[in-house]
Amino acid sequence: VIPGDRVTDVLSRVQYSPSELVKTVKTAIDQQVRKGGIKPKEGVGLIDFYEETIHGYTYLQTPDVKREA
């Protein structure tokens, strides 16, 4: 098994700030919730998914595979 890099590490290497990206996505989702474009529960789910994905690995992971942090 060849371990992949974390998405946050790759983003940092190309001069993106993972924390700023999360903040931007949260702001956009909050705006859509306020406008009624998406439901609050849906917004929370999207934010959770984004944060989980951005802190994951660049290679495909299956739910039953655990990687060391």
PDB file of N, CA and C in Angstrom:
ATOM      1  N   VAL A   1       0.842  -1.177   0.000  1.00  0.00           N
ATOM      2  CA  VAL A   1       0.000   0.000   0.000  1.00  0.00           C
ATOM      3  C   VAL A   1       0.888   1.241   0.000  1.00  0.00           C
ATOM      4  N   ILE A   2       0.614   2.149  -0.902  1.00  0.00           N
ATOM      5  CA  ILE A   2       1.347   3.412  -0.957  1.00  0.00           C
ATOM      6  C   ILE A   2       0.448   4.489  -0.356  1.00  0.00           C
ATOM      7  N   PRO A   3       0.869   5.055   0.772  1.00  0.00           N
ATOM      8  CA  PRO A   3       0.026   6.078   1.381  1.00  0.00           C
ATOM      9  C   PRO A   3       0.032   7.363   0.556  1.00  0.00           C
ATOM     10  N   GLY A   4      -1.127   7.987   0.472  1.00  0.00           N
ATOM     11  CA  GLY A   4      -1.222   9.263  -0.237  1.00  0.00           C
ATOM     12  C   GLY A   4      -0.951  10.423   0.699  1.00  0.00           C
ATOM     13  N   ASP A   5      -0.966  11.593   0.138  1.00  0.00           N
ATOM     14  CA  ASP A   5      -0.816  12.805   0.935  1.00  0.00           C
ATOM     15  C   ASP A   5      -2.188  13.262   1.402  1.00  0.00           C
ATOM     16  N   ARG A   6      -2.198  14.023   2.471  1.00  0.00           N
ATOM     17  CA  ARG A   6      -3.448  14.640   2.896  1.00  0.00           C
ATOM     18  C   ARG A   6      -3.750  15.792   1.936  1.00  0.00           C
ATOM     19  N   VAL A   7      -5.032  15.999   1.673  1.00  0.00           N
ATOM     20  CA  VAL A   7      -5.452  17.072   0.781  1.00  0.00           C
ATOM     21  C   VAL A   7      -4.940  18.417   1.301  1.00  0.00           C
ATOM     22  N   THR A   8      -4.994  18.622   2.615  1.00  0.00           N
ATOM     23  CA  THR A   8      -4.520  19.886   3.188  1.00  0.00           C
ATOM     24  C   THR A   8      -3.044  20.126   2.880  1.00  0.00           C
ATOM     25  N   ASP A   9      -2.241  19.064   2.895  1.00  0.00           N
ATOM     26  CA  ASP A   9      -0.813  19.200   2.593  1.00  0.00           C
ATOM     27  C   ASP A   9      -0.593  19.607   1.135  1.00  0.00           C
ATOM     28  N   VAL A  10      -1.345  18.979   0.237  1.00  0.00           N
ATOM     29  CA  VAL A  10      -1.223  19.299  -1.187  1.00  0.00           C
ATOM     30  C   VAL A  10      -1.656  20.744  -1.437  1.00  0.00           C
ATOM     31  N   LEU A  11      -2.759  21.152  -0.841  1.00  0.00           N
ATOM     32  CA  LEU A  11      -3.224  22.531  -1.014  1.00  0.00           C
ATOM     33  C   LEU A  11      -2.197  23.534  -0.504  1.00  0.00           C
ATOM     34  N   SER A  12      -1.596  23.233   0.629  1.00  0.00           N
ATOM     35  CA  SER A  12      -0.576  24.127   1.193  1.00  0.00           C
ATOM     36  C   SER A  12       0.637  24.243   0.272  1.00  0.00           C
ATOM     37  N   ARG A  13       1.001  23.140  -0.361  1.00  0.00           N
ATOM     38  CA  ARG A  13       2.153  23.151  -1.269  1.00  0.00           C
ATOM     39  C   ARG A  13       1.933  24.060  -2.474  1.00  0.00           C
ATOM     40  N   VAL A  14       0.676  24.205  -2.884  1.00  0.00           N
ATOM     41  CA  VAL A  14       0.367  25.070  -4.027  1.00  0.00           C
ATOM     42  C   VAL A  14      -0.182  26.417  -3.556  1.00  0.00           C
ATOM     43  N   GLN A  15       0.175  26.766  -2.338  1.00  0.00           N
ATOM     44  CA  GLN A  15      -0.078  28.069  -1.735  1.00  0.00           C
ATOM     45  C   GLN A  15      -1.558  28.400  -1.526  1.00  0.00           C
ATOM     46  N   TYR A  16      -2.352  27.396  -1.203  1.00  0.00           N
ATOM     47  CA  TYR A  16      -3.724  27.612  -0.754  1.00  0.00           C
ATOM     48  C   TYR A  16      -3.758  27.369   0.743  1.00  0.00           C
ATOM     49  N   SER A  17      -4.551  28.144   1.436  1.00  0.00           N
ATOM     50  CA  SER A  17      -4.701  27.966   2.877  1.00  0.00           C
ATOM     51  C   SER A  17      -5.942  27.115   3.134  1.00  0.00           C
ATOM     52  N   PRO A  18      -5.762  25.876   3.585  1.00  0.00           N
ATOM     53  CA  PRO A  18      -6.922  25.023   3.851  1.00  0.00           C
ATOM     54  C   PRO A  18      -7.925  25.665   4.808  1.00  0.00           C
ATOM     55  N   SER A  19      -7.442  26.343   5.838  1.00  0.00           N
ATOM     56  CA  SER A  19      -8.372  26.960   6.789  1.00  0.00           C
ATOM     57  C   SER A  19      -9.157  28.095   6.139  1.00  0.00           C
ATOM     58  N   GLU A  20      -8.520  28.844   5.239  1.00  0.00           N
ATOM     59  CA  GLU A  20      -9.233  29.912   4.526  1.00  0.00           C
ATOM     60  C   GLU A  20     -10.255  29.331   3.554  1.00  0.00           C
ATOM     61  N   LEU A  21      -9.919  28.218   2.917  1.00  0.00           N
ATOM     62  CA  LEU A  21     -10.868  27.564   2.014  1.00  0.00           C
ATOM     63  C   LEU A  21     -12.097  27.083   2.776  1.00  0.00           C
ATOM     64  N   VAL A  22     -11.884  26.497   3.946  1.00  0.00           N
ATOM     65  CA  VAL A  22     -13.008  26.040   4.772  1.00  0.00           C
ATOM     66  C   VAL A  22     -13.873  27.233   5.167  1.00  0.00           C
ATOM     67  N   LYS A  23     -13.227  28.315   5.564  1.00  0.00           N
ATOM     68  CA  LYS A  23     -13.952  29.523   5.960  1.00  0.00           C
ATOM     69  C   LYS A  23     -14.795  30.059   4.791  1.00  0.00           C
ATOM     70  N   THR A  24     -14.223  30.079   3.593  1.00  0.00           N
ATOM     71  CA  THR A  24     -14.926  30.562   2.409  1.00  0.00           C
ATOM     72  C   THR A  24     -16.131  29.686   2.084  1.00  0.00           C
ATOM     73  N   VAL A  25     -15.952  28.379   2.163  1.00  0.00           N
ATOM     74  CA  VAL A  25     -17.054  27.454   1.890  1.00  0.00           C
ATOM     75  C   VAL A  25     -18.156  27.624   2.932  1.00  0.00           C
ATOM     76  N   LYS A  26     -17.785  27.737   4.198  1.00  0.00           N
ATOM     77  CA  LYS A  26     -18.781  27.938   5.259  1.00  0.00           C
ATOM     78  C   LYS A  26     -19.572  29.216   5.029  1.00  0.00           C
ATOM     79  N   THR A  27     -18.886  30.289   4.650  1.00  0.00           N
ATOM     80  CA  THR A  27     -19.557  31.564   4.388  1.00  0.00           C
ATOM     81  C   THR A  27     -20.555  31.425   3.243  1.00  0.00           C
ATOM     82  N   ALA A  28     -20.141  30.772   2.166  1.00  0.00           N
ATOM     83  CA  ALA A  28     -21.025  30.583   1.013  1.00  0.00           C
ATOM     84  C   ALA A  28     -22.246  29.746   1.383  1.00  0.00           C
ATOM     85  N   ILE A  29     -22.038  28.701   2.164  1.00  0.00           N
ATOM     86  CA  ILE A  29     -23.149  27.846   2.586  1.00  0.00           C
ATOM     87  C   ILE A  29     -24.079  28.610   3.516  1.00  0.00           C
ATOM     88  N   ASP A  30     -23.518  29.361   4.454  1.00  0.00           N
ATOM     89  CA  ASP A  30     -24.341  30.175   5.361  1.00  0.00           C
ATOM     90  C   ASP A  30     -25.201  31.165   4.586  1.00  0.00           C
ATOM     91  N   GLN A  31     -24.638  31.780   3.551  1.00  0.00           N
ATOM     92  CA  GLN A  31     -25.401  32.717   2.731  1.00  0.00           C
ATOM     93  C   GLN A  31     -26.567  32.021   2.044  1.00  0.00           C
ATOM     94  N   GLN A  32     -26.326  30.826   1.533  1.00  0.00           N
ATOM     95  CA  GLN A  32     -27.395  30.082   0.864  1.00  0.00           C
ATOM     96  C   GLN A  32     -28.483  29.659   1.841  1.00  0.00           C
ATOM     97  N   VAL A  33     -28.091  29.320   3.054  1.00  0.00           N
ATOM     98  CA  VAL A  33     -29.077  28.959   4.082  1.00  0.00           C
ATOM     99  C   VAL A  33     -29.936  30.181   4.395  1.00  0.00           C
ATOM    100  N   ARG A  34     -29.307  31.333   4.577  1.00  0.00           N
ATOM    101  CA  ARG A  34     -30.056  32.564   4.882  1.00  0.00           C
ATOM    102  C   ARG A  34     -31.000  32.949   3.748  1.00  0.00           C
ATOM    103  N   LYS A  35     -30.582  32.724   2.506  1.00  0.00           N
ATOM    104  CA  LYS A  35     -31.414  33.045   1.341  1.00  0.00           C
ATOM    105  C   LYS A  35     -32.513  32.010   1.117  1.00  0.00           C
ATOM    106  N   GLY A  36     -32.420  30.884   1.804  1.00  0.00           N
ATOM    107  CA  GLY A  36     -33.397  29.820   1.615  1.00  0.00           C
ATOM    108  C   GLY A  36     -33.059  28.873   0.481  1.00  0.00           C
ATOM    109  N   GLY A  37     -31.852  28.995  -0.046  1.00  0.00           N
ATOM    110  CA  GLY A  37     -31.425  28.125  -1.145  1.00  0.00           C
ATOM    111  C   GLY A  37     -31.216  26.683  -0.716  1.00  0.00           C
ATOM    112  N   ILE A  38     -30.785  26.501   0.517  1.00  0.00           N
ATOM    113  CA  ILE A  38     -30.640  25.157   1.078  1.00  0.00           C
ATOM    114  C   ILE A  38     -31.120  25.184   2.525  1.00  0.00           C
ATOM    115  N   LYS A  39     -31.511  24.033   3.003  1.00  0.00           N
ATOM    116  CA  LYS A  39     -31.990  23.915   4.383  1.00  0.00           C
ATOM    117  C   LYS A  39     -30.798  23.895   5.342  1.00  0.00           C
ATOM    118  N   PRO A  40     -31.003  24.391   6.574  1.00  0.00           N
ATOM    119  CA  PRO A  40     -29.902  24.400   7.548  1.00  0.00           C
ATOM    120  C   PRO A  40     -29.247  23.031   7.743  1.00  0.00           C
ATOM    121  N   LYS A  41     -30.060  21.989   7.831  1.00  0.00           N
ATOM    122  CA  LYS A  41     -29.509  20.645   8.036  1.00  0.00           C
ATOM    123  C   LYS A  41     -28.639  20.232   6.843  1.00  0.00           C
ATOM    124  N   GLU A  42     -29.087  20.608   5.654  1.00  0.00           N
ATOM    125  CA  GLU A  42     -28.321  20.322   4.445  1.00  0.00           C
ATOM    126  C   GLU A  42     -26.984  21.070   4.473  1.00  0.00           C
ATOM    127  N   GLY A  43     -27.027  22.316   4.917  1.00  0.00           N
ATOM    128  CA  GLY A  43     -25.817  23.126   5.020  1.00  0.00           C
ATOM    129  C   GLY A  43     -24.804  22.519   5.964  1.00  0.00           C
ATOM    130  N   VAL A  44     -25.282  22.058   7.107  1.00  0.00           N
ATOM    131  CA  VAL A  44     -24.393  21.413   8.082  1.00  0.00           C
ATOM    132  C   VAL A  44     -23.764  20.166   7.464  1.00  0.00           C
ATOM    133  N   GLY A  45     -24.568  19.396   6.746  1.00  0.00           N
ATOM    134  CA  GLY A  45     -24.056  18.191   6.093  1.00  0.00           C
ATOM    135  C   GLY A  45     -22.988  18.507   5.055  1.00  0.00           C
ATOM    136  N   LEU A  46     -23.206  19.581   4.294  1.00  0.00           N
ATOM    137  CA  LEU A  46     -22.220  19.980   3.288  1.00  0.00           C
ATOM    138  C   LEU A  46     -20.908  20.424   3.928  1.00  0.00           C
ATOM    139  N   ILE A  47     -21.023  21.211   4.992  1.00  0.00           N
ATOM    140  CA  ILE A  47     -19.817  21.667   5.692  1.00  0.00           C
ATOM    141  C   ILE A  47     -19.061  20.479   6.282  1.00  0.00           C
ATOM    142  N   ASP A  48     -19.787  19.565   6.916  1.00  0.00           N
ATOM    143  CA  ASP A  48     -19.147  18.371   7.486  1.00  0.00           C
ATOM    144  C   ASP A  48     -18.434  17.565   6.404  1.00  0.00           C
ATOM    145  N   PHE A  49     -19.109  17.380   5.260  1.00  0.00           N
ATOM    146  CA  PHE A  49     -18.525  16.619   4.156  1.00  0.00           C
ATOM    147  C   PHE A  49     -17.263  17.311   3.632  1.00  0.00           C
ATOM    148  N   TYR A  50     -17.329  18.619   3.451  1.00  0.00           N
ATOM    149  CA  TYR A  50     -16.176  19.369   2.944  1.00  0.00           C
ATOM    150  C   TYR A  50     -14.986  19.255   3.890  1.00  0.00           C
ATOM    151  N   GLU A  51     -15.251  19.445   5.185  1.00  0.00           N
ATOM    152  CA  GLU A  51     -14.157  19.363   6.160  1.00  0.00           C
ATOM    153  C   GLU A  51     -13.571  17.956   6.223  1.00  0.00           C
ATOM    154  N   GLU A  52     -14.422  16.952   6.150  1.00  0.00           N
ATOM    155  CA  GLU A  52     -13.936  15.568   6.171  1.00  0.00           C
ATOM    156  C   GLU A  52     -13.082  15.291   4.932  1.00  0.00           C
ATOM    157  N   THR A  53     -13.537  15.787   3.794  1.00  0.00           N
ATOM    158  CA  THR A  53     -12.828  15.556   2.539  1.00  0.00           C
ATOM    159  C   THR A  53     -11.491  16.283   2.506  1.00  0.00           C
ATOM    160  N   ILE A  54     -11.483  17.535   2.930  1.00  0.00           N
ATOM    161  CA  ILE A  54     -10.250  18.327   2.865  1.00  0.00           C
ATOM    162  C   ILE A  54      -9.191  17.801   3.844  1.00  0.00           C
ATOM    163  N   HIS A  55      -9.619  17.101   4.877  1.00  0.00           N
ATOM    164  CA  HIS A  55      -8.669  16.527   5.837  1.00  0.00           C
ATOM    165  C   HIS A  55      -8.349  15.063   5.517  1.00  0.00           C
ATOM    166  N   GLY A  56      -8.884  14.579   4.400  1.00  0.00           N
ATOM    167  CA  GLY A  56      -8.642  13.200   3.995  1.00  0.00           C
ATOM    168  C   GLY A  56      -7.395  13.078   3.130  1.00  0.00           C
ATOM    169  N   TYR A  57      -7.284  11.943   2.479  1.00  0.00           N
ATOM    170  CA  TYR A  57      -6.137  11.640   1.639  1.00  0.00           C
ATOM    171  C   TYR A  57      -6.467  11.860   0.175  1.00  0.00           C
ATOM    172  N   THR A  58      -5.425  12.042  -0.625  1.00  0.00           N
ATOM    173  CA  THR A  58      -5.619  12.267  -2.055  1.00  0.00           C
ATOM    174  C   THR A  58      -6.005  10.986  -2.784  1.00  0.00           C
ATOM    175  N   TYR A  59      -5.701   9.842  -2.195  1.00  0.00           N
ATOM    176  CA  TYR A  59      -6.074   8.575  -2.805  1.00  0.00           C
ATOM    177  C   TYR A  59      -7.430   8.132  -2.286  1.00  0.00           C
ATOM    178  N   LEU A  60      -8.094   7.322  -3.081  1.00  0.00           N
ATOM    179  CA  LEU A  60      -9.398   6.792  -2.699  1.00  0.00           C
ATOM    180  C   LEU A  60      -9.285   6.007  -1.401  1.00  0.00           C
ATOM    181  N   GLN A  61     -10.206   6.279  -0.497  1.00  0.00           N
ATOM    182  CA  GLN A  61     -10.255   5.549   0.764  1.00  0.00           C
ATOM    183  C   GLN A  61     -11.595   4.835   0.863  1.00  0.00           C
ATOM    184  N   THR A  62     -11.551   3.638   1.382  1.00  0.00           N
ATOM    185  CA  THR A  62     -12.800   2.941   1.658  1.00  0.00           C
ATOM    186  C   THR A  62     -13.119   3.139   3.132  1.00  0.00           C
ATOM    187  N   PRO A  63     -14.396   3.123   3.498  1.00  0.00           N
ATOM    188  CA  PRO A  63     -14.774   3.389   4.888  1.00  0.00           C
ATOM    189  C   PRO A  63     -14.118   2.473   5.912  1.00  0.00           C
ATOM    190  N   ASP A  64     -13.795   1.232   5.517  1.00  0.00           N
ATOM    191  CA  ASP A  64     -13.247   0.287   6.487  1.00  0.00           C
ATOM    192  C   ASP A  64     -11.720   0.377   6.611  1.00  0.00           C
ATOM    193  N   VAL A  65     -11.077   1.247   5.838  1.00  0.00           N
ATOM    194  CA  VAL A  65      -9.627   1.390   5.900  1.00  0.00           C
ATOM    195  C   VAL A  65      -9.290   2.571   6.799  1.00  0.00           C
ATOM    196  N   LYS A  66      -8.475   2.307   7.809  1.00  0.00           N
ATOM    197  CA  LYS A  66      -8.054   3.366   8.733  1.00  0.00           C
ATOM    198  C   LYS A  66      -6.609   3.731   8.416  1.00  0.00           C
ATOM    199  N   ARG A  67      -6.321   5.012   8.394  1.00  0.00           N
ATOM    200  CA  ARG A  67      -4.956   5.480   8.167  1.00  0.00           C
ATOM    201  C   ARG A  67      -4.480   6.176   9.423  1.00  0.00           C
ATOM    202  N   GLU A  68      -3.193   6.094   9.668  1.00  0.00           N
ATOM    203  CA  GLU A  68      -2.628   6.792  10.823  1.00  0.00           C
ATOM    204  C   GLU A  68      -2.498   8.266  10.491  1.00  0.00           C
ATOM    205  N   ALA A  69      -2.783   9.118  11.482  1.00  0.00           N
ATOM    206  CA  ALA A  69      -2.701  10.576  11.261  1.00  0.00           C
ATOM    207  C   ALA A  69      -1.283  11.064  11.291  1.00  0.00           C
TER     208      ALA A  69
END
